[in-house]
All heavy atoms as atom14 arrays in JSON, in Angstrom:
{
  "sequence": "HAATSAERLRGLFDASVDPVITIDERGLVLTFNPAAQT",
  "atom14_mask": [
    [1, 1, 1, 1, 1, 1, 1, 1, 1, 1, 0, 0, 0, 0],
    [1, 1, 1, 1, 1, 0, 0, 0, 0, 0, 0, 0, 0, 0],
    [1, 1, 1, 1, 1, 0, 0, 0, 0, 0, 0, 0, 0, 0],
    [1, 1, 1, 1, 1, 1, 1, 0, 0, 0, 0, 0, 0, 0],
    [1, 1, 1, 1, 1, 1, 0, 0, 0, 0, 0, 0, 0, 0],
    [1, 1, 1, 1, 1, 0, 0, 0, 0, 0, 0, 0, 0, 0],
    [1, 1, 1, 1, 1, 1, 1, 1, 1, 0, 0, 0, 0, 0],
    [1, 1, 1, 1, 1, 1, 1, 1, 1, 1, 1, 0, 0, 0],
    [1, 1, 1, 1, 1, 1, 1, 1, 0, 0, 0, 0, 0, 0],
    [1, 1, 1, 1, 1, 1, 1, 1, 1, 1, 1, 0, 0, 0],
    [1, 1, 1, 1, 0, 0, 0, 0, 0, 0, 0, 0, 0, 0],
    [1, 1, 1, 1, 1, 1, 1, 1, 0, 0, 0, 0, 0, 0],
    [1, 1, 1, 1, 1, 1, 1, 1, 1, 1, 1, 0, 0, 0],
    [1, 1, 1, 1, 1, 1, 1, 1, 0, 0, 0, 0, 0, 0],
    [1, 1, 1, 1, 1, 0, 0, 0, 0, 0, 0, 0, 0, 0],
    [1, 1, 1, 1, 1, 1, 0, 0, 0, 0, 0, 0, 0, 0],
    [1, 1, 1, 1, 1, 1, 1, 0, 0, 0, 0, 0, 0, 0],
    [1, 1, 1, 1, 1, 1, 1, 1, 0, 0, 0, 0, 0, 0],
    [1, 1, 1, 1, 1, 1, 1, 0, 0, 0, 0, 0, 0, 0],
    [1, 1, 1, 1, 1, 1, 1, 0, 0, 0, 0, 0, 0, 0],
    [1, 1, 1, 1, 1, 1, 1, 1, 0, 0, 0, 0, 0, 0],
    [1, 1, 1, 1, 1, 1, 1, 0, 0, 0, 0, 0, 0, 0],
    [1, 1, 1, 1, 1, 1, 1, 1, 0, 0, 0, 0, 0, 0],
    [1, 1, 1, 1, 1, 1, 1, 1, 0, 0, 0, 0, 0, 0],
    [1, 1, 1, 1, 1, 1, 1, 1, 1, 0, 0, 0, 0, 0],
    [1, 1, 1, 1, 1, 1, 1, 1, 1, 1, 1, 0, 0, 0],
    [1, 1, 1, 1, 0, 0, 0, 0, 0, 0, 0, 0, 0, 0],
    [1, 1, 1, 1, 1, 1, 1, 1, 0, 0, 0, 0, 0, 0],
    [1, 1, 1, 1, 1, 1, 1, 0, 0, 0, 0, 0, 0, 0],
    [1, 1, 1, 1, 1, 1, 1, 1, 0, 0, 0, 0, 0, 0],
    [1, 1, 1, 1, 1, 1, 1, 0, 0, 0, 0, 0, 0, 0],
    [1, 1, 1, 1, 1, 1, 1, 1, 1, 1, 1, 0, 0, 0],
    [1, 1, 1, 1, 1, 1, 1, 1, 0, 0, 0, 0, 0, 0],
    [1, 1, 1, 1, 1, 1, 1, 0, 0, 0, 0, 0, 0, 0],
    [1, 1, 1, 1, 1, 0, 0, 0, 0, 0, 0, 0, 0, 0],
    [1, 1, 1, 1, 1, 0, 0, 0, 0, 0, 0, 0, 0, 0],
    [1, 1, 1, 1, 1, 1, 1, 1, 1, 0, 0, 0, 0, 0],
    [1, 1, 1, 1, 1, 1, 1, 0, 0, 0, 0, 0, 0, 0]
  ],
  "atom14_positions": [
    [[15.69, 35.02, 104.48], [16.09, 36.3, 103.92], [15.96, 36.29, 102.4], [15.47, 37.25, 101.79], [17.53, 36.62, 104.33], [18.05, 37.89, 103.74], [17.63, 39.14, 104.14], [18.96, 38.11, 102.74], [18.25, 40.07, 103.44], [19.06, 39.48, 102.58], [0.0, 0.0, 0.0], [0.0, 0.0, 0.0], [0.0, 0.0, 0.0], [0.0, 0.0, 0.0]],
    [[16.4, 35.2, 101.77], [16.31, 35.1, 100.32], [14.86, 35.1, 99.85], [14.5, 35.75, 98.86], [17.02, 33.83, 99.84], [0.0, 0.0, 0.0], [0.0, 0.0, 0.0], [0.0, 0.0, 0.0], [0.0, 0.0, 0.0], [0.0, 0.0, 0.0], [0.0, 0.0, 0.0], [0.0, 0.0, 0.0], [0.0, 0.0, 0.0], [0.0, 0.0, 0.0]],
    [[14.0, 34.38, 100.58], [12.58, 34.32, 100.21], [11.92, 35.69, 100.36], [11.12, 36.1, 99.52], [11.86, 33.28, 101.07], [0.0, 0.0, 0.0], [0.0, 0.0, 0.0], [0.0, 0.0, 0.0], [0.0, 0.0, 0.0], [0.0, 0.0, 0.0], [0.0, 0.0, 0.0], [0.0, 0.0, 0.0], [0.0, 0.0, 0.0], [0.0, 0.0, 0.0]],
    [[12.27, 36.41, 101.45], [11.7, 37.73, 101.67], [12.15, 38.71, 100.6], [11.35, 39.49, 100.07], [12.11, 38.26, 103.06], [11.68, 37.33, 104.06], [11.49, 39.62, 103.34], [0.0, 0.0, 0.0], [0.0, 0.0, 0.0], [0.0, 0.0, 0.0], [0.0, 0.0, 0.0], [0.0, 0.0, 0.0], [0.0, 0.0, 0.0], [0.0, 0.0, 0.0]],
    [[13.45, 38.66, 100.25], [13.98, 39.55, 99.2], [13.33, 39.26, 97.86], [12.98, 40.18, 97.11], [15.5, 39.38, 99.1], [16.14, 39.75, 100.3], [0.0, 0.0, 0.0], [0.0, 0.0, 0.0], [0.0, 0.0, 0.0], [0.0, 0.0, 0.0], [0.0, 0.0, 0.0], [0.0, 0.0, 0.0], [0.0, 0.0, 0.0], [0.0, 0.0, 0.0]],
    [[13.15, 37.97, 97.56], [12.52, 37.59, 96.29], [11.08, 38.07, 96.24], [10.6, 38.54, 95.2], [12.6, 36.08, 96.11], [0.0, 0.0, 0.0], [0.0, 0.0, 0.0], [0.0, 0.0, 0.0], [0.0, 0.0, 0.0], [0.0, 0.0, 0.0], [0.0, 0.0, 0.0], [0.0, 0.0, 0.0], [0.0, 0.0, 0.0], [0.0, 0.0, 0.0]],
    [[10.38, 37.99, 97.38], [8.98, 38.42, 97.43], [8.87, 39.93, 97.23], [8.0, 40.42, 96.5], [8.36, 38.03, 98.77], [6.87, 38.26, 98.89], [6.05, 37.36, 98.0], [6.54, 36.28, 97.63], [4.93, 37.77, 97.66], [0.0, 0.0, 0.0], [0.0, 0.0, 0.0], [0.0, 0.0, 0.0], [0.0, 0.0, 0.0], [0.0, 0.0, 0.0]],
    [[9.79, 40.67, 97.85], [9.77, 42.13, 97.68], [10.11, 42.52, 96.25], [9.49, 43.42, 95.67], [10.77, 42.77, 98.65], [10.31, 42.73, 100.1], [11.38, 43.25, 101.03], [10.92, 43.29, 102.41], [11.71, 43.48, 103.45], [13.02, 43.63, 103.27], [11.22, 43.5, 104.68], [0.0, 0.0, 0.0], [0.0, 0.0, 0.0], [0.0, 0.0, 0.0]],
    [[11.11, 41.84, 95.68], [11.49, 42.13, 94.3], [10.34, 41.82, 93.36], [10.08, 42.56, 92.41], [12.73, 41.31, 93.92], [13.29, 41.54, 92.53], [13.73, 42.99, 92.37], [14.47, 40.61, 92.26], [0.0, 0.0, 0.0], [0.0, 0.0, 0.0], [0.0, 0.0, 0.0], [0.0, 0.0, 0.0], [0.0, 0.0, 0.0], [0.0, 0.0, 0.0]],
    [[9.64, 40.71, 93.64], [8.5, 40.36, 92.8], [7.4, 41.4, 92.91], [6.75, 41.75, 91.91], [7.96, 38.99, 93.24], [6.82, 38.48, 92.37], [7.32, 38.09, 91.0], [6.22, 37.83, 90.09], [6.38, 37.45, 88.84], [7.61, 37.29, 88.34], [5.35, 37.24, 88.06], [0.0, 0.0, 0.0], [0.0, 0.0, 0.0], [0.0, 0.0, 0.0]],
    [[7.19, 41.94, 94.12], [6.19, 42.98, 94.29], [6.52, 44.24, 93.5], [5.65, 44.83, 92.86], [0.0, 0.0, 0.0], [0.0, 0.0, 0.0], [0.0, 0.0, 0.0], [0.0, 0.0, 0.0], [0.0, 0.0, 0.0], [0.0, 0.0, 0.0], [0.0, 0.0, 0.0], [0.0, 0.0, 0.0], [0.0, 0.0, 0.0], [0.0, 0.0, 0.0]],
    [[7.81, 44.65, 93.53], [8.24, 45.81, 92.76], [8.09, 45.55, 91.27], [7.69, 46.42, 90.49], [9.69, 46.14, 93.1], [9.95, 46.66, 94.51], [11.44, 46.79, 94.77], [9.27, 48.01, 94.72], [0.0, 0.0, 0.0], [0.0, 0.0, 0.0], [0.0, 0.0, 0.0], [0.0, 0.0, 0.0], [0.0, 0.0, 0.0], [0.0, 0.0, 0.0]],
    [[8.45, 44.34, 90.86], [8.38, 43.94, 89.46], [6.93, 44.03, 88.96], [6.64, 44.59, 87.9], [8.92, 42.52, 89.33], [8.82, 41.93, 87.95], [9.77, 42.23, 86.99], [7.8, 41.05, 87.62], [9.69, 41.68, 85.72], [7.71, 40.49, 86.36], [8.66, 40.81, 85.41], [0.0, 0.0, 0.0], [0.0, 0.0, 0.0], [0.0, 0.0, 0.0]],
    [[6.0, 43.5, 89.75], [4.6, 43.48, 89.34], [3.97, 44.87, 89.39], [3.06, 45.17, 88.6], [3.79, 42.52, 90.23], [4.13, 41.06, 89.96], [4.68, 40.76, 88.87], [3.85, 40.21, 90.84], [0.0, 0.0, 0.0], [0.0, 0.0, 0.0], [0.0, 0.0, 0.0], [0.0, 0.0, 0.0], [0.0, 0.0, 0.0], [0.0, 0.0, 0.0]],
    [[4.43, 45.71, 90.33], [3.82, 47.03, 90.51], [4.41, 48.09, 89.59], [3.87, 49.19, 89.5], [3.98, 47.48, 91.96], [0.0, 0.0, 0.0], [0.0, 0.0, 0.0], [0.0, 0.0, 0.0], [0.0, 0.0, 0.0], [0.0, 0.0, 0.0], [0.0, 0.0, 0.0], [0.0, 0.0, 0.0], [0.0, 0.0, 0.0], [0.0, 0.0, 0.0]],
    [[5.49, 47.77, 88.89], [6.14, 48.77, 88.03], [5.19, 49.23, 86.93], [4.5, 48.43, 86.3], [7.4, 48.16, 87.4], [7.96, 49.05, 86.45], [0.0, 0.0, 0.0], [0.0, 0.0, 0.0], [0.0, 0.0, 0.0], [0.0, 0.0, 0.0], [0.0, 0.0, 0.0], [0.0, 0.0, 0.0], [0.0, 0.0, 0.0], [0.0, 0.0, 0.0]],
    [[5.17, 50.55, 86.69], [4.32, 51.08, 85.62], [5.02, 50.96, 84.27], [4.4, 51.19, 83.22], [3.96, 52.55, 85.89], [3.12, 52.67, 87.15], [5.22, 53.42, 85.99], [0.0, 0.0, 0.0], [0.0, 0.0, 0.0], [0.0, 0.0, 0.0], [0.0, 0.0, 0.0], [0.0, 0.0, 0.0], [0.0, 0.0, 0.0], [0.0, 0.0, 0.0]],
    [[6.3, 50.64, 84.28], [7.05, 50.45, 83.04], [7.17, 48.97, 82.72], [7.29, 48.14, 83.63], [8.46, 51.04, 83.17], [8.43, 52.55, 83.36], [7.64, 53.21, 82.65], [9.19, 53.05, 84.2], [0.0, 0.0, 0.0], [0.0, 0.0, 0.0], [0.0, 0.0, 0.0], [0.0, 0.0, 0.0], [0.0, 0.0, 0.0], [0.0, 0.0, 0.0]],
    [[7.18, 48.62, 81.44], [7.37, 47.22, 81.08], [8.75, 46.73, 81.54], [9.76, 47.4, 81.33], [7.29, 47.23, 79.55], [6.56, 48.49, 79.22], [6.95, 49.47, 80.27], [0.0, 0.0, 0.0], [0.0, 0.0, 0.0], [0.0, 0.0, 0.0], [0.0, 0.0, 0.0], [0.0, 0.0, 0.0], [0.0, 0.0, 0.0], [0.0, 0.0, 0.0]],
    [[8.78, 45.59, 82.18], [10.03, 44.98, 82.62], [10.05, 43.54, 82.12], [9.15, 42.76, 82.41], [10.18, 45.0, 84.15], [11.51, 44.35, 84.57], [10.1, 46.41, 84.69], [0.0, 0.0, 0.0], [0.0, 0.0, 0.0], [0.0, 0.0, 0.0], [0.0, 0.0, 0.0], [0.0, 0.0, 0.0], [0.0, 0.0, 0.0], [0.0, 0.0, 0.0]],
    [[11.08, 43.21, 81.36], [11.22, 41.87, 80.8], [12.61, 41.37, 81.16], [13.59, 42.1, 81.01], [11.07, 41.9, 79.26], [9.73, 42.53, 78.87], [11.19, 40.49, 78.68], [9.65, 42.88, 77.39], [0.0, 0.0, 0.0], [0.0, 0.0, 0.0], [0.0, 0.0, 0.0], [0.0, 0.0, 0.0], [0.0, 0.0, 0.0], [0.0, 0.0, 0.0]],
    [[12.7, 40.17, 81.66], [14.02, 39.58, 81.93], [14.21, 38.39, 81.0], [13.27, 37.67, 80.66], [14.15, 39.12, 83.39], [13.18, 38.1, 83.67], [13.94, 40.28, 84.35], [0.0, 0.0, 0.0], [0.0, 0.0, 0.0], [0.0, 0.0, 0.0], [0.0, 0.0, 0.0], [0.0, 0.0, 0.0], [0.0, 0.0, 0.0], [0.0, 0.0, 0.0]],
    [[15.46, 38.2, 80.58], [15.8, 37.11, 79.66], [17.02, 36.37, 80.17], [17.76, 36.87, 81.04], [16.08, 37.63, 78.24], [17.29, 38.59, 78.26], [14.86, 38.32, 77.66], [17.72, 39.07, 76.88], [0.0, 0.0, 0.0], [0.0, 0.0, 0.0], [0.0, 0.0, 0.0], [0.0, 0.0, 0.0], [0.0, 0.0, 0.0], [0.0, 0.0, 0.0]],
    [[17.25, 35.16, 79.66], [18.45, 34.42, 80.02], [19.53, 34.65, 78.98], [19.38, 35.5, 78.08], [18.14, 32.92, 80.19], [17.66, 32.26, 78.91], [17.79, 32.88, 77.82], [17.18, 31.11, 78.98], [0.0, 0.0, 0.0], [0.0, 0.0, 0.0], [0.0, 0.0, 0.0], [0.0, 0.0, 0.0], [0.0, 0.0, 0.0], [0.0, 0.0, 0.0]],
    [[20.65, 33.91, 79.08], [21.78, 34.14, 78.19], [21.48, 33.75, 76.74], [22.2, 34.14, 75.82], [23.02, 33.38, 78.68], [22.94, 31.86, 78.56], [22.16, 31.23, 79.7], [21.68, 31.99, 80.58], [22.04, 29.99, 79.72], [0.0, 0.0, 0.0], [0.0, 0.0, 0.0], [0.0, 0.0, 0.0], [0.0, 0.0, 0.0], [0.0, 0.0, 0.0]],
    [[20.39, 33.01, 76.53], [20.01, 32.64, 75.16], [18.98, 33.6, 74.57], [18.56, 33.44, 73.43], [19.44, 31.22, 75.15], [20.44, 30.14, 75.54], [19.74, 28.81, 75.72], [18.78, 28.88, 76.83], [17.89, 27.92, 77.1], [17.83, 26.85, 76.33], [17.06, 28.05, 78.13], [0.0, 0.0, 0.0], [0.0, 0.0, 0.0], [0.0, 0.0, 0.0]],
    [[18.57, 34.59, 75.37], [17.58, 35.55, 74.9], [16.15, 35.1, 75.13], [15.21, 35.74, 74.64], [0.0, 0.0, 0.0], [0.0, 0.0, 0.0], [0.0, 0.0, 0.0], [0.0, 0.0, 0.0], [0.0, 0.0, 0.0], [0.0, 0.0, 0.0], [0.0, 0.0, 0.0], [0.0, 0.0, 0.0], [0.0, 0.0, 0.0], [0.0, 0.0, 0.0]],
    [[15.97, 34.0, 75.88], [14.62, 33.51, 76.16], [14.0, 34.29, 77.31], [14.66, 34.56, 78.32], [14.65, 32.02, 76.48], [15.25, 31.1, 75.41], [15.15, 29.64, 75.85], [14.56, 31.32, 74.06], [0.0, 0.0, 0.0], [0.0, 0.0, 0.0], [0.0, 0.0, 0.0], [0.0, 0.0, 0.0], [0.0, 0.0, 0.0], [0.0, 0.0, 0.0]],
    [[12.74, 34.65, 77.18], [12.04, 35.45, 78.18], [11.81, 34.62, 79.44], [11.28, 33.51, 79.38], [10.7, 35.97, 77.63], [9.93, 36.71, 78.72], [10.94, 36.89, 76.44], [0.0, 0.0, 0.0], [0.0, 0.0, 0.0], [0.0, 0.0, 0.0], [0.0, 0.0, 0.0], [0.0, 0.0, 0.0], [0.0, 0.0, 0.0], [0.0, 0.0, 0.0]],
    [[12.22, 35.17, 80.58], [12.0, 34.52, 81.87], [10.8, 35.09, 82.6], [10.0, 34.35, 83.18], [13.25, 34.67, 82.74], [14.54, 34.04, 82.21], [15.7, 34.37, 83.14], [14.39, 32.54, 82.06], [0.0, 0.0, 0.0], [0.0, 0.0, 0.0], [0.0, 0.0, 0.0], [0.0, 0.0, 0.0], [0.0, 0.0, 0.0], [0.0, 0.0, 0.0]],
    [[10.68, 36.41, 82.61], [9.55, 37.06, 83.28], [9.04, 38.2, 82.43], [9.78, 38.82, 81.66], [9.96, 37.61, 84.67], [11.06, 38.53, 84.52], [10.36, 36.5, 85.61], [0.0, 0.0, 0.0], [0.0, 0.0, 0.0], [0.0, 0.0, 0.0], [0.0, 0.0, 0.0], [0.0, 0.0, 0.0], [0.0, 0.0, 0.0], [0.0, 0.0, 0.0]],
    [[7.75, 38.49, 82.6], [7.05, 39.46, 81.76], [6.02, 40.13, 82.67], [5.0, 39.55, 82.98], [6.37, 38.7, 80.61], [6.04, 39.52, 79.4], [7.04, 39.97, 78.55], [4.72, 39.8, 79.09], [6.73, 40.69, 77.41], [4.39, 40.53, 77.96], [5.4, 40.97, 77.11], [0.0, 0.0, 0.0], [0.0, 0.0, 0.0], [0.0, 0.0, 0.0]],
    [[6.32, 41.37, 83.12], [5.46, 41.96, 84.15], [4.15, 42.49, 83.57], [3.98, 42.56, 82.34], [6.23, 43.05, 84.91], [6.31, 44.35, 84.15], [6.23, 44.38, 82.93], [6.49, 45.45, 84.87], [0.0, 0.0, 0.0], [0.0, 0.0, 0.0], [0.0, 0.0, 0.0], [0.0, 0.0, 0.0], [0.0, 0.0, 0.0], [0.0, 0.0, 0.0]],
    [[3.18, 42.81, 84.44], [1.86, 43.26, 83.95], [1.92, 44.45, 83.01], [1.15, 44.53, 82.05], [1.11, 43.61, 85.24], [1.72, 42.71, 86.27], [3.18, 42.63, 85.9], [0.0, 0.0, 0.0], [0.0, 0.0, 0.0], [0.0, 0.0, 0.0], [0.0, 0.0, 0.0], [0.0, 0.0, 0.0], [0.0, 0.0, 0.0], [0.0, 0.0, 0.0]],
    [[2.85, 45.41, 83.27], [2.95, 46.56, 82.37], [3.39, 46.13, 80.98], [2.92, 46.67, 79.97], [3.95, 47.57, 82.95], [0.0, 0.0, 0.0], [0.0, 0.0, 0.0], [0.0, 0.0, 0.0], [0.0, 0.0, 0.0], [0.0, 0.0, 0.0], [0.0, 0.0, 0.0], [0.0, 0.0, 0.0], [0.0, 0.0, 0.0], [0.0, 0.0, 0.0]],
    [[4.29, 45.15, 80.91], [4.71, 44.63, 79.61], [3.56, 43.95, 78.9], [3.41, 44.04, 77.67], [5.88, 43.66, 79.79], [0.0, 0.0, 0.0], [0.0, 0.0, 0.0], [0.0, 0.0, 0.0], [0.0, 0.0, 0.0], [0.0, 0.0, 0.0], [0.0, 0.0, 0.0], [0.0, 0.0, 0.0], [0.0, 0.0, 0.0], [0.0, 0.0, 0.0]],
    [[2.71, 43.27, 79.65], [1.54, 42.62, 79.05], [0.63, 43.67, 78.42], [0.09, 43.47, 77.33], [0.78, 41.83, 80.12], [1.58, 40.7, 80.76], [0.86, 40.11, 81.96], [-0.35, 39.92, 81.93], [1.6, 39.81, 83.02], [0.0, 0.0, 0.0], [0.0, 0.0, 0.0], [0.0, 0.0, 0.0], [0.0, 0.0, 0.0], [0.0, 0.0, 0.0]],
    [[0.48, 44.81, 79.1], [-0.39, 45.87, 78.59], [0.2, 46.5, 77.33], [-0.51, 46.73, 76.35], [-0.58, 46.96, 79.66], [-1.18, 46.37, 80.83], [-1.47, 48.08, 79.15], [0.0, 0.0, 0.0], [0.0, 0.0, 0.0], [0.0, 0.0, 0.0], [0.0, 0.0, 0.0], [0.0, 0.0, 0.0], [0.0, 0.0, 0.0], [0.0, 0.0, 0.0]]
  ]
}
């Protein structure tokens, strides 16, 4: 269930037309989706 949820979330993250950036508590970037790259 966790793997399936993570895969779906990753699909939404990658398909988003808006830039999505996630960071940790130190402000370091964890993920940077394709829209953010653009």
